[in-house]
């Protein structure tokens, strides 16, 4: 299996999955409880992605400069700081800690 075959297969599967979403009857996703669960799914998926990318490593959990950078970003988000400032400050924290030899 070549790389391009894998990419094309993944694209076809993604398209088929998206098309299947249009075929689901509206009654399946209607209702206050289902709507609330469906609206929270992206948040849960993004939180899981953030966690695996922050502390995930080849051999298990890894705590390095990314963890304090994410903590700083969360704190700045709680203070409702501009998104660009959050990204720049978190990147500076990670870069600073790595320059000091941590992570």
Foldseek 3Di string as FASTA:
>chain_A
DDPVVVVVVVVVVVVVVVVVVVVDDPVVQDDPVSVVVVVCVVVVVVVVVLVCVQQNDPVGGHHWQLVVLVVQLVVVVVVVDDPVVSVVVSVVSSVVRVVVPTD
